[in-house]
Amino acid sequence: MLRFIISSFYQWFNSTQSKERKNMEANERKKKLMWRWSIASFLAIALFWCAVWAITGRMPVADKVWLLNPTDGNPGWSLPLPIVLPRIADAFLGPIFSSILIFLFFNKKIKNDDLVFGLGVGLVAGLVAGLGAGLVVGLVVGLVAGLGAGLGAGLVAGLGVGLGVGLVAGLGAGLKKIKPAAMAIYNFMMAI
């Protein structure tokens, strides 16, 4: 009986330690992934803005945040930033977002199936809505602008070419027919 109690206690103790060990290993793995992806995203964004700076010769800056973009009749609405931020500061956002994504994917309280389904549906819905709206607006604006410009240019060009060709052809044909008739009238008048 004592042997049974000791062996069951030993099994329980080992199972508790293995769960703790697995949790520690999972946490260590999560920390390593967060560090790796944070550094990788920081470097990728920083290299992008450094390449923009090398190509254009100046670093883009953000001095205000536009809440409503200016249009033809609307001056827009923006919030001024207290300091001017160079766009290279965007590199600090990469580690934040990569850490959030790793935390979401490796959190045991959130089921991965629900997370993947939610992210998948959200990304696909956003992609379809964005591309669909862009396609519809692009087609409508392009069609209206193209039809207006094309119709206007076509009418002007067609009318100009038609009148020019008609004038030249009419004058050419008319002068050939007028000349013999005018000569006949001239000769008749001289004969009288």
N, C-alpha and C. Protein backbone atom coordinates (compact mmCIF):
# COMPACT_ATOMS: atom_id res chain seq x y z
N MET A 1 0.82 -1.18 0.00
CA MET A 1 0.00 0.00 0.00
C MET A 1 0.87 1.26 0.00
N LEU A 2 1.90 1.26 0.82
CA LEU A 2 2.82 2.39 0.87
C LEU A 2 3.51 2.58 -0.47
N ARG A 3 3.85 1.46 -1.11
CA ARG A 3 4.49 1.53 -2.42
C ARG A 3 3.54 2.16 -3.44
N PHE A 4 2.28 1.85 -3.40
CA PHE A 4 1.27 2.41 -4.30
C PHE A 4 1.15 3.93 -4.09
N ILE A 5 1.13 4.37 -2.85
CA ILE A 5 1.01 5.79 -2.52
C ILE A 5 2.25 6.54 -3.01
N ILE A 6 3.42 5.97 -2.78
CA ILE A 6 4.65 6.63 -3.22
C ILE A 6 4.71 6.69 -4.75
N SER A 7 4.35 5.61 -5.43
CA SER A 7 4.40 5.61 -6.90
C SER A 7 3.37 6.56 -7.49
N SER A 8 2.17 6.64 -6.91
CA SER A 8 1.17 7.57 -7.43
C SER A 8 1.60 9.02 -7.17
N PHE A 9 2.20 9.30 -6.00
CA PHE A 9 2.72 10.63 -5.72
C PHE A 9 3.84 10.98 -6.71
N TYR A 10 4.71 10.02 -7.00
CA TYR A 10 5.81 10.24 -7.95
C TYR A 10 5.26 10.54 -9.34
N GLN A 11 4.25 9.80 -9.77
CA GLN A 11 3.66 10.05 -11.09
C GLN A 11 3.00 11.43 -11.14
N TRP A 12 2.29 11.77 -10.07
CA TRP A 12 1.64 13.08 -10.04
C TRP A 12 2.69 14.20 -10.05
N PHE A 13 3.74 14.04 -9.30
CA PHE A 13 4.81 15.02 -9.23
C PHE A 13 5.48 15.19 -10.59
N ASN A 14 5.77 14.09 -11.28
CA ASN A 14 6.39 14.15 -12.62
C ASN A 14 5.46 14.79 -13.64
N SER A 15 4.17 14.48 -13.57
CA SER A 15 3.23 15.08 -14.52
C SER A 15 3.11 16.57 -14.29
N THR A 16 3.15 17.02 -13.04
CA THR A 16 3.10 18.44 -12.73
C THR A 16 4.36 19.15 -13.23
N GLN A 17 5.50 18.53 -13.03
CA GLN A 17 6.75 19.13 -13.50
C GLN A 17 6.80 19.17 -15.02
N SER A 18 6.30 18.13 -15.68
CA SER A 18 6.35 18.14 -17.14
C SER A 18 5.42 19.21 -17.71
N LYS A 19 4.27 19.45 -17.06
CA LYS A 19 3.39 20.53 -17.52
C LYS A 19 4.07 21.88 -17.34
N GLU A 20 4.71 22.06 -16.19
CA GLU A 20 5.42 23.32 -15.94
C GLU A 20 6.57 23.49 -16.92
N ARG A 21 7.27 22.40 -17.20
CA ARG A 21 8.39 22.45 -18.13
C ARG A 21 7.89 22.80 -19.54
N LYS A 22 6.75 22.20 -19.93
CA LYS A 22 6.19 22.50 -21.25
C LYS A 22 5.77 23.96 -21.33
N ASN A 23 5.16 24.45 -20.25
CA ASN A 23 4.76 25.86 -20.24
C ASN A 23 5.98 26.77 -20.31
N MET A 24 7.03 26.43 -19.59
CA MET A 24 8.25 27.23 -19.63
C MET A 24 8.87 27.20 -21.02
N GLU A 25 8.89 26.02 -21.64
CA GLU A 25 9.45 25.91 -22.99
C GLU A 25 8.62 26.71 -23.98
N ALA A 26 7.31 26.65 -23.83
CA ALA A 26 6.43 27.41 -24.73
C ALA A 26 6.65 28.91 -24.54
N ASN A 27 6.79 29.34 -23.29
CA ASN A 27 7.03 30.77 -23.04
C ASN A 27 8.39 31.21 -23.58
N GLU A 28 9.39 30.37 -23.43
CA GLU A 28 10.72 30.68 -23.97
C GLU A 28 10.66 30.79 -25.49
N ARG A 29 9.94 29.87 -26.11
CA ARG A 29 9.81 29.88 -27.57
C ARG A 29 9.08 31.15 -28.03
N LYS A 30 8.03 31.52 -27.28
CA LYS A 30 7.28 32.73 -27.63
C LYS A 30 8.17 33.96 -27.51
N LYS A 31 8.99 34.02 -26.45
CA LYS A 31 9.89 35.16 -26.26
C LYS A 31 10.92 35.24 -27.39
N LYS A 32 11.47 34.06 -27.77
CA LYS A 32 12.45 34.05 -28.86
C LYS A 32 11.82 34.51 -30.17
N LEU A 33 10.60 34.02 -30.44
CA LEU A 33 9.92 34.43 -31.67
C LEU A 33 9.62 35.92 -31.66
N MET A 34 9.19 36.44 -30.53
CA MET A 34 8.91 37.87 -30.44
C MET A 34 10.17 38.70 -30.72
N TRP A 35 11.28 38.31 -30.13
CA TRP A 35 12.53 39.03 -30.36
C TRP A 35 12.97 38.94 -31.81
N ARG A 36 12.92 37.73 -32.37
CA ARG A 36 13.39 37.56 -33.75
C ARG A 36 12.55 38.36 -34.73
N TRP A 37 11.21 38.24 -34.63
CA TRP A 37 10.35 38.95 -35.57
C TRP A 37 10.35 40.44 -35.32
N SER A 38 10.53 40.85 -34.08
CA SER A 38 10.62 42.29 -33.79
C SER A 38 11.85 42.89 -34.45
N ILE A 39 12.96 42.22 -34.33
CA ILE A 39 14.20 42.71 -34.95
C ILE A 39 14.08 42.67 -36.47
N ALA A 40 13.52 41.58 -37.01
CA ALA A 40 13.38 41.47 -38.47
C ALA A 40 12.45 42.54 -39.02
N SER A 41 11.31 42.79 -38.36
CA SER A 41 10.38 43.81 -38.86
C SER A 41 10.99 45.21 -38.72
N PHE A 42 11.70 45.47 -37.62
CA PHE A 42 12.36 46.76 -37.44
C PHE A 42 13.37 47.00 -38.57
N LEU A 43 14.20 45.99 -38.85
CA LEU A 43 15.22 46.15 -39.89
C LEU A 43 14.60 46.31 -41.27
N ALA A 44 13.54 45.55 -41.56
CA ALA A 44 12.91 45.65 -42.88
C ALA A 44 12.32 47.04 -43.11
N ILE A 45 11.60 47.56 -42.13
CA ILE A 45 11.00 48.89 -42.29
C ILE A 45 12.08 49.97 -42.32
N ALA A 46 13.09 49.85 -41.48
CA ALA A 46 14.18 50.83 -41.47
C ALA A 46 14.94 50.82 -42.80
N LEU A 47 15.20 49.63 -43.34
CA LEU A 47 15.89 49.55 -44.64
C LEU A 47 15.05 50.15 -45.75
N PHE A 48 13.73 49.94 -45.69
CA PHE A 48 12.86 50.54 -46.71
C PHE A 48 12.97 52.06 -46.69
N TRP A 49 12.84 52.67 -45.50
CA TRP A 49 12.89 54.12 -45.43
C TRP A 49 14.29 54.65 -45.72
N CYS A 50 15.32 53.89 -45.40
CA CYS A 50 16.68 54.30 -45.76
C CYS A 50 16.87 54.25 -47.28
N ALA A 51 16.26 53.27 -47.94
CA ALA A 51 16.32 53.20 -49.40
C ALA A 51 15.58 54.37 -50.02
N VAL A 52 14.42 54.73 -49.47
CA VAL A 52 13.69 55.90 -49.96
C VAL A 52 14.54 57.16 -49.80
N TRP A 53 15.18 57.28 -48.66
CA TRP A 53 16.05 58.43 -48.40
C TRP A 53 17.22 58.46 -49.37
N ALA A 54 17.82 57.29 -49.65
CA ALA A 54 18.96 57.23 -50.57
C ALA A 54 18.53 57.57 -52.00
N ILE A 55 17.33 57.16 -52.39
CA ILE A 55 16.87 57.40 -53.76
C ILE A 55 16.42 58.84 -53.95
N THR A 56 15.61 59.35 -53.02
CA THR A 56 15.05 60.70 -53.20
C THR A 56 15.95 61.80 -52.67
N GLY A 57 16.86 61.47 -51.76
CA GLY A 57 17.76 62.47 -51.21
C GLY A 57 17.19 63.21 -50.01
N ARG A 58 15.99 62.89 -49.58
CA ARG A 58 15.43 63.49 -48.38
C ARG A 58 14.54 62.47 -47.68
N MET A 59 14.43 62.62 -46.37
CA MET A 59 13.61 61.71 -45.57
C MET A 59 12.20 62.31 -45.45
N PRO A 60 11.16 61.58 -45.86
CA PRO A 60 9.80 62.10 -45.68
C PRO A 60 9.49 62.26 -44.19
N VAL A 61 8.70 63.27 -43.87
CA VAL A 61 8.35 63.54 -42.48
C VAL A 61 6.83 63.63 -42.34
N ALA A 62 6.37 63.45 -41.12
CA ALA A 62 4.95 63.61 -40.79
C ALA A 62 4.85 64.72 -39.75
N ASP A 63 4.18 65.83 -40.11
CA ASP A 63 4.01 66.91 -39.15
C ASP A 63 2.56 67.06 -38.72
N LYS A 64 1.66 66.33 -39.38
CA LYS A 64 0.25 66.34 -39.01
C LYS A 64 -0.39 65.02 -39.40
N VAL A 65 -1.48 64.71 -38.76
CA VAL A 65 -2.25 63.51 -39.06
C VAL A 65 -3.56 63.95 -39.70
N TRP A 66 -3.77 63.56 -40.94
CA TRP A 66 -4.98 63.95 -41.65
C TRP A 66 -6.14 63.07 -41.22
N LEU A 67 -7.19 63.69 -40.69
CA LEU A 67 -8.40 62.97 -40.33
C LEU A 67 -9.42 63.02 -41.45
N LEU A 68 -9.37 64.08 -42.25
CA LEU A 68 -10.24 64.24 -43.41
C LEU A 68 -9.39 64.83 -44.52
N ASN A 69 -9.22 64.11 -45.60
CA ASN A 69 -8.35 64.57 -46.68
C ASN A 69 -8.94 65.79 -47.38
N PRO A 70 -8.09 66.72 -47.78
CA PRO A 70 -8.61 67.89 -48.49
C PRO A 70 -9.06 67.50 -49.90
N THR A 71 -10.17 68.07 -50.31
CA THR A 71 -10.69 67.87 -51.67
C THR A 71 -10.88 69.24 -52.30
N ASP A 72 -11.57 69.29 -53.44
CA ASP A 72 -11.70 70.57 -54.16
C ASP A 72 -12.40 71.65 -53.33
N GLY A 73 -13.55 71.35 -52.77
CA GLY A 73 -14.26 72.37 -52.02
C GLY A 73 -14.03 72.28 -50.52
N ASN A 74 -13.27 71.31 -50.07
CA ASN A 74 -13.10 71.05 -48.65
C ASN A 74 -11.63 71.24 -48.27
N PRO A 75 -11.35 72.10 -47.27
CA PRO A 75 -9.93 72.29 -46.91
C PRO A 75 -9.34 71.11 -46.15
N GLY A 76 -10.15 70.18 -45.68
CA GLY A 76 -9.64 69.04 -44.93
C GLY A 76 -9.52 69.36 -43.46
N TRP A 77 -9.21 68.32 -42.69
CA TRP A 77 -9.08 68.50 -41.26
C TRP A 77 -7.93 67.64 -40.77
N SER A 78 -7.01 68.25 -40.07
CA SER A 78 -5.84 67.51 -39.60
C SER A 78 -5.51 67.92 -38.17
N LEU A 79 -4.83 67.01 -37.48
CA LEU A 79 -4.33 67.29 -36.15
C LEU A 79 -2.82 67.49 -36.24
N PRO A 80 -2.33 68.63 -35.83
CA PRO A 80 -0.87 68.84 -35.88
C PRO A 80 -0.17 68.01 -34.80
N LEU A 81 0.95 67.44 -35.16
CA LEU A 81 1.75 66.70 -34.20
C LEU A 81 2.64 67.69 -33.42
N PRO A 82 2.91 67.40 -32.15
CA PRO A 82 3.74 68.34 -31.39
C PRO A 82 5.18 68.40 -31.90
N ILE A 83 5.65 67.32 -32.52
CA ILE A 83 7.00 67.32 -33.11
C ILE A 83 6.90 66.76 -34.51
N VAL A 84 7.87 67.06 -35.32
CA VAL A 84 7.94 66.52 -36.68
C VAL A 84 8.61 65.16 -36.61
N LEU A 85 7.91 64.13 -37.08
CA LEU A 85 8.44 62.77 -37.04
C LEU A 85 8.94 62.35 -38.41
N PRO A 86 10.19 61.94 -38.50
CA PRO A 86 10.63 61.36 -39.78
C PRO A 86 9.98 59.98 -39.96
N ARG A 87 9.78 59.60 -41.19
CA ARG A 87 9.08 58.34 -41.46
C ARG A 87 9.89 57.12 -41.03
N ILE A 88 11.17 57.29 -40.76
CA ILE A 88 11.97 56.18 -40.25
C ILE A 88 11.46 55.73 -38.89
N ALA A 89 10.71 56.62 -38.20
CA ALA A 89 10.13 56.27 -36.91
C ALA A 89 9.06 55.18 -37.06
N ASP A 90 8.58 54.95 -38.28
CA ASP A 90 7.64 53.85 -38.52
C ASP A 90 8.26 52.51 -38.18
N ALA A 91 9.58 52.44 -38.20
CA ALA A 91 10.25 51.18 -37.91
C ALA A 91 9.94 50.69 -36.50
N PHE A 92 9.59 51.60 -35.59
CA PHE A 92 9.26 51.20 -34.23
C PHE A 92 7.87 50.57 -34.13
N LEU A 93 7.05 50.76 -35.15
CA LEU A 93 5.73 50.13 -35.15
C LEU A 93 5.79 48.66 -35.53
N GLY A 94 6.78 48.27 -36.31
CA GLY A 94 6.91 46.87 -36.73
C GLY A 94 7.05 45.91 -35.57
N PRO A 95 7.95 46.16 -34.61
CA PRO A 95 8.06 45.26 -33.47
C PRO A 95 6.78 45.18 -32.63
N ILE A 96 6.07 46.29 -32.54
CA ILE A 96 4.83 46.27 -31.76
C ILE A 96 3.82 45.34 -32.41
N PHE A 97 3.61 45.49 -33.72
CA PHE A 97 2.63 44.65 -34.40
C PHE A 97 3.07 43.20 -34.48
N SER A 98 4.35 42.95 -34.69
CA SER A 98 4.80 41.55 -34.74
C SER A 98 4.66 40.89 -33.37
N SER A 99 4.92 41.62 -32.29
CA SER A 99 4.73 41.05 -30.94
C SER A 99 3.26 40.76 -30.67
N ILE A 100 2.39 41.64 -31.10
CA ILE A 100 0.95 41.42 -30.92
C ILE A 100 0.51 40.17 -31.67
N LEU A 101 0.94 40.02 -32.92
CA LEU A 101 0.55 38.84 -33.70
C LEU A 101 1.09 37.55 -33.09
N ILE A 102 2.33 37.56 -32.64
CA ILE A 102 2.88 36.35 -32.02
C ILE A 102 2.15 36.05 -30.73
N PHE A 103 1.84 37.08 -29.94
CA PHE A 103 1.08 36.86 -28.72
C PHE A 103 -0.29 36.25 -29.02
N LEU A 104 -0.95 36.73 -30.08
CA LEU A 104 -2.26 36.19 -30.43
C LEU A 104 -2.17 34.74 -30.89
N PHE A 105 -1.18 34.44 -31.72
CA PHE A 105 -1.08 33.09 -32.27
C PHE A 105 -0.60 32.07 -31.25
N PHE A 106 0.17 32.48 -30.26
CA PHE A 106 0.72 31.53 -29.30
C PHE A 106 0.07 31.63 -27.92
N ASN A 107 -1.06 32.28 -27.83
CA ASN A 107 -1.79 32.35 -26.57
C ASN A 107 -2.68 31.12 -26.47
N LYS A 108 -2.56 30.39 -25.35
CA LYS A 108 -3.30 29.14 -25.22
C LYS A 108 -4.77 29.38 -24.90
N LYS A 109 -5.12 30.58 -24.41
CA LYS A 109 -6.51 30.86 -24.11
C LYS A 109 -7.33 31.08 -25.38
N ILE A 110 -6.67 31.51 -26.43
CA ILE A 110 -7.34 31.72 -27.71
C ILE A 110 -7.10 30.48 -28.56
N LYS A 111 -8.17 29.92 -29.05
CA LYS A 111 -8.02 28.73 -29.90
C LYS A 111 -7.49 29.16 -31.26
N ASN A 112 -6.51 28.44 -31.74
CA ASN A 112 -5.89 28.81 -33.02
C ASN A 112 -6.87 28.72 -34.18
N ASP A 113 -7.81 27.76 -34.11
CA ASP A 113 -8.77 27.63 -35.20
C ASP A 113 -9.64 28.88 -35.30
N ASP A 114 -10.08 29.39 -34.15
CA ASP A 114 -10.90 30.60 -34.16
C ASP A 114 -10.09 31.81 -34.63
N LEU A 115 -8.85 31.89 -34.18
CA LEU A 115 -8.00 33.01 -34.55
C LEU A 115 -7.70 33.00 -36.05
N VAL A 116 -7.33 31.84 -36.56
CA VAL A 116 -7.01 31.73 -37.98
C VAL A 116 -8.25 32.00 -38.82
N PHE A 117 -9.40 31.47 -38.37
CA PHE A 117 -10.64 31.71 -39.11
C PHE A 117 -10.99 33.19 -39.10
N GLY A 118 -10.89 33.82 -37.91
CA GLY A 118 -11.22 35.24 -37.81
C GLY A 118 -10.29 36.11 -38.63
N LEU A 119 -8.99 35.83 -38.53
CA LEU A 119 -8.03 36.61 -39.32
C LEU A 119 -8.22 36.36 -40.82
N GLY A 120 -8.46 35.11 -41.16
CA GLY A 120 -8.67 34.78 -42.58
C GLY A 120 -9.89 35.46 -43.14
N VAL A 121 -11.00 35.37 -42.41
CA VAL A 121 -12.23 36.01 -42.88
C VAL A 121 -12.05 37.53 -42.93
N GLY A 122 -11.41 38.10 -41.90
CA GLY A 122 -11.19 39.54 -41.88
C GLY A 122 -10.31 40.01 -43.02
N LEU A 123 -9.21 39.30 -43.26
CA LEU A 123 -8.31 39.70 -44.34
C LEU A 123 -8.95 39.52 -45.71
N VAL A 124 -9.65 38.41 -45.89
CA VAL A 124 -10.30 38.18 -47.18
C VAL A 124 -11.42 39.19 -47.41
N ALA A 125 -12.22 39.45 -46.36
CA ALA A 125 -13.30 40.44 -46.50
C ALA A 125 -12.72 41.83 -46.80
N GLY A 126 -11.66 42.20 -46.11
CA GLY A 126 -11.03 43.49 -46.37
C GLY A 126 -10.45 43.58 -47.77
N LEU A 127 -9.81 42.49 -48.18
CA LEU A 127 -9.21 42.47 -49.52
C LEU A 127 -10.29 42.55 -50.60
N VAL A 128 -11.36 41.77 -50.44
CA VAL A 128 -12.44 41.77 -51.43
C VAL A 128 -13.13 43.13 -51.46
N ALA A 129 -13.41 43.68 -50.27
CA ALA A 129 -14.08 44.99 -50.22
C ALA A 129 -13.19 46.08 -50.82
N GLY A 130 -11.91 46.06 -50.47
CA GLY A 130 -11.00 47.08 -51.00
C GLY A 130 -10.81 46.97 -52.51
N LEU A 131 -10.55 45.75 -52.96
CA LEU A 131 -10.36 45.56 -54.40
C LEU A 131 -11.65 45.80 -55.17
N GLY A 132 -12.78 45.35 -54.59
CA GLY A 132 -14.07 45.54 -55.26
C GLY A 132 -14.40 47.01 -55.38
N ALA A 133 -14.24 47.77 -54.28
CA ALA A 133 -14.53 49.20 -54.32
C ALA A 133 -13.57 49.91 -55.28
N GLY A 134 -12.29 49.53 -55.23
CA GLY A 134 -11.33 50.14 -56.14
C GLY A 134 -11.64 49.84 -57.60
N LEU A 135 -12.05 48.61 -57.87
CA LEU A 135 -12.37 48.22 -59.24
C LEU A 135 -13.60 48.97 -59.74
N VAL A 136 -14.65 49.03 -58.91
CA VAL A 136 -15.89 49.69 -59.32
C VAL A 136 -15.65 51.19 -59.52
N VAL A 137 -15.02 51.82 -58.55
CA VAL A 137 -14.77 53.26 -58.66
C VAL A 137 -13.83 53.54 -59.83
N GLY A 138 -12.80 52.71 -59.98
CA GLY A 138 -11.87 52.91 -61.09
C GLY A 138 -12.55 52.77 -62.44
N LEU A 139 -13.40 51.75 -62.56
CA LEU A 139 -14.11 51.55 -63.83
C LEU A 139 -15.08 52.69 -64.11
N VAL A 140 -15.84 53.11 -63.10
CA VAL A 140 -16.82 54.17 -63.31
C VAL A 140 -16.13 55.48 -63.66
N VAL A 141 -15.13 55.85 -62.86
CA VAL A 141 -14.42 57.11 -63.12
C VAL A 141 -13.69 57.03 -64.47
N GLY A 142 -13.05 55.90 -64.73
CA GLY A 142 -12.35 55.75 -66.00
C GLY A 142 -13.28 55.78 -67.19
N LEU A 143 -14.44 55.12 -67.03
CA LEU A 143 -15.42 55.09 -68.12
C LEU A 143 -15.98 56.48 -68.38
N VAL A 144 -16.36 57.18 -67.31
CA VAL A 144 -16.93 58.52 -67.47
C VAL A 144 -15.89 59.47 -68.06
N ALA A 145 -14.69 59.45 -67.49
CA ALA A 145 -13.64 60.35 -67.98
C ALA A 145 -13.24 59.97 -69.41
N GLY A 146 -13.09 58.69 -69.65
CA GLY A 146 -12.70 58.24 -70.99
C GLY A 146 -13.78 58.52 -72.02
N LEU A 147 -15.04 58.28 -71.62
CA LEU A 147 -16.14 58.54 -72.56
C LEU A 147 -16.26 60.03 -72.84
N GLY A 148 -16.16 60.84 -71.78
CA GLY A 148 -16.26 62.28 -71.99
C GLY A 148 -15.12 62.82 -72.83
N ALA A 149 -13.91 62.44 -72.47
CA ALA A 149 -12.75 62.93 -73.22
C ALA A 149 -12.72 62.33 -74.62
N GLY A 150 -13.01 61.04 -74.70
CA GLY A 150 -12.99 60.38 -76.01
C GLY A 150 -14.07 60.90 -76.94
N LEU A 151 -15.27 61.08 -76.38
CA LEU A 151 -16.37 61.59 -77.20
C LEU A 151 -16.09 63.02 -77.65
N GLY A 152 -15.59 63.83 -76.71
CA GLY A 152 -15.26 65.21 -77.08
C GLY A 152 -14.15 65.28 -78.11
N ALA A 153 -13.10 64.53 -77.88
CA ALA A 153 -11.98 64.53 -78.83
C ALA A 153 -12.41 63.94 -80.16
N GLY A 154 -13.23 62.88 -80.11
CA GLY A 154 -13.69 62.25 -81.35
C GLY A 154 -14.59 63.18 -82.16
N LEU A 155 -15.48 63.89 -81.47
CA LEU A 155 -16.35 64.83 -82.19
C LEU A 155 -15.55 65.97 -82.80
N VAL A 156 -14.63 66.53 -82.03
CA VAL A 156 -13.82 67.64 -82.54
C VAL A 156 -12.96 67.17 -83.72
N ALA A 157 -12.30 66.03 -83.55
CA ALA A 157 -11.44 65.54 -84.63
C ALA A 157 -12.27 65.14 -85.84
N GLY A 158 -13.38 64.43 -85.62
CA GLY A 158 -14.22 64.01 -86.75
C GLY A 158 -14.83 65.19 -87.49
N LEU A 159 -15.31 66.16 -86.72
CA LEU A 159 -15.90 67.35 -87.34
C LEU A 159 -14.84 68.13 -88.10
N GLY A 160 -13.66 68.29 -87.49
CA GLY A 160 -12.60 69.03 -88.18
C GLY A 160 -12.15 68.35 -89.47
N VAL A 161 -11.90 67.05 -89.38
CA VAL A 161 -11.46 66.30 -90.57
C VAL A 161 -12.57 66.27 -91.62
N GLY A 162 -13.80 66.05 -91.18
CA GLY A 162 -14.92 66.00 -92.13
C GLY A 162 -15.13 67.31 -92.86
N LEU A 163 -15.09 68.41 -92.10
CA LEU A 163 -15.25 69.72 -92.75
C LEU A 163 -14.08 70.03 -93.67
N GLY A 164 -12.88 69.70 -93.22
CA GLY A 164 -11.71 69.97 -94.06
C GLY A 164 -11.74 69.18 -95.36
N VAL A 165 -12.00 67.88 -95.25
CA VAL A 165 -12.05 67.04 -96.45
C VAL A 165 -13.21 67.47 -97.35
N GLY A 166 -14.36 67.77 -96.73
CA GLY A 166 -15.53 68.21 -97.53
C GLY A 166 -15.27 69.50 -98.26
N LEU A 167 -14.60 70.44 -97.59
CA LEU A 167 -14.30 71.72 -98.22
C LEU A 167 -13.34 71.54 -99.39
N VAL A 168 -12.29 70.76 -99.17
CA VAL A 168 -11.32 70.53 -100.24
C VAL A 168 -11.97 69.79 -101.41
N ALA A 169 -12.72 68.74 -101.10
CA ALA A 169 -13.36 67.95 -102.17
C ALA A 169 -14.41 68.79 -102.90
N GLY A 170 -15.19 69.57 -102.14
CA GLY A 170 -16.23 70.40 -102.77
C GLY A 170 -15.63 71.48 -103.66
N LEU A 171 -14.59 72.11 -103.15
CA LEU A 171 -13.95 73.14 -103.96
C LEU A 171 -13.30 72.55 -105.20
N GLY A 172 -12.65 71.41 -105.01
CA GLY A 172 -12.01 70.79 -106.16
C GLY A 172 -13.02 70.36 -107.21
N ALA A 173 -14.10 69.74 -106.79
CA ALA A 173 -15.13 69.29 -107.74
C ALA A 173 -15.87 70.48 -108.32
N GLY A 174 -16.14 71.48 -107.49
CA GLY A 174 -16.88 72.64 -107.96
C GLY A 174 -16.10 73.45 -108.97
N LEU A 175 -14.82 73.62 -108.77
CA LEU A 175 -14.03 74.40 -109.70
C LEU A 175 -13.91 73.70 -111.05
N LYS A 176 -13.84 72.39 -111.04
CA LYS A 176 -13.76 71.68 -112.32
C LYS A 176 -15.05 71.81 -113.11
N LYS A 177 -16.19 71.81 -112.44
CA LYS A 177 -17.47 71.94 -113.14
C LYS A 177 -17.76 73.40 -113.49
N ILE A 178 -17.32 74.33 -112.66
CA ILE A 178 -17.60 75.74 -112.89
C ILE A 178 -16.78 76.27 -114.06
N LYS A 179 -15.56 75.82 -114.20
CA LYS A 179 -14.69 76.36 -115.23
C LYS A 179 -15.25 76.15 -116.65
N PRO A 180 -15.67 74.93 -117.04
CA PRO A 180 -16.23 74.81 -118.39
C PRO A 180 -17.52 75.60 -118.59
N ALA A 181 -18.36 75.64 -117.55
CA ALA A 181 -19.62 76.40 -117.68
C ALA A 181 -19.32 77.90 -117.80
N ALA A 182 -18.36 78.38 -117.01
CA ALA A 182 -18.01 79.80 -117.08
C ALA A 182 -17.41 80.14 -118.44
N MET A 183 -16.64 79.25 -119.00
CA MET A 183 -16.06 79.48 -120.33
C MET A 183 -17.15 79.52 -121.41
N ALA A 184 -18.12 78.66 -121.25
CA ALA A 184 -19.22 78.64 -122.22
C ALA A 184 -20.01 79.95 -122.16
N ILE A 185 -20.28 80.42 -120.94
CA ILE A 185 -21.01 81.68 -120.79
C ILE A 185 -20.17 82.84 -121.34
N TYR A 186 -18.89 82.83 -121.08
CA TYR A 186 -17.98 83.86 -121.56
C TYR A 186 -17.97 83.86 -123.10
N ASN A 187 -17.85 82.70 -123.68
CA ASN A 187 -17.83 82.61 -125.14
C ASN A 187 -19.14 83.07 -125.76
N PHE A 188 -20.24 82.71 -125.09
CA PHE A 188 -21.56 83.11 -125.59
C PHE A 188 -21.69 84.64 -125.53
N MET A 189 -21.20 85.23 -124.45
CA MET A 189 -21.30 86.69 -124.31
C MET A 189 -20.41 87.41 -125.34
N MET A 190 -19.29 86.82 -125.65
CA MET A 190 -18.38 87.43 -126.62
C MET A 190 -18.95 87.31 -128.04
N ALA A 191 -19.69 86.27 -128.25
CA ALA A 191 -20.24 86.07 -129.58
C ALA A 191 -21.37 87.04 -129.87
N ILE A 192 -22.02 87.55 -128.91
CA ILE A 192 -23.17 88.42 -129.12
C ILE A 192 -22.69 89.78 -129.47
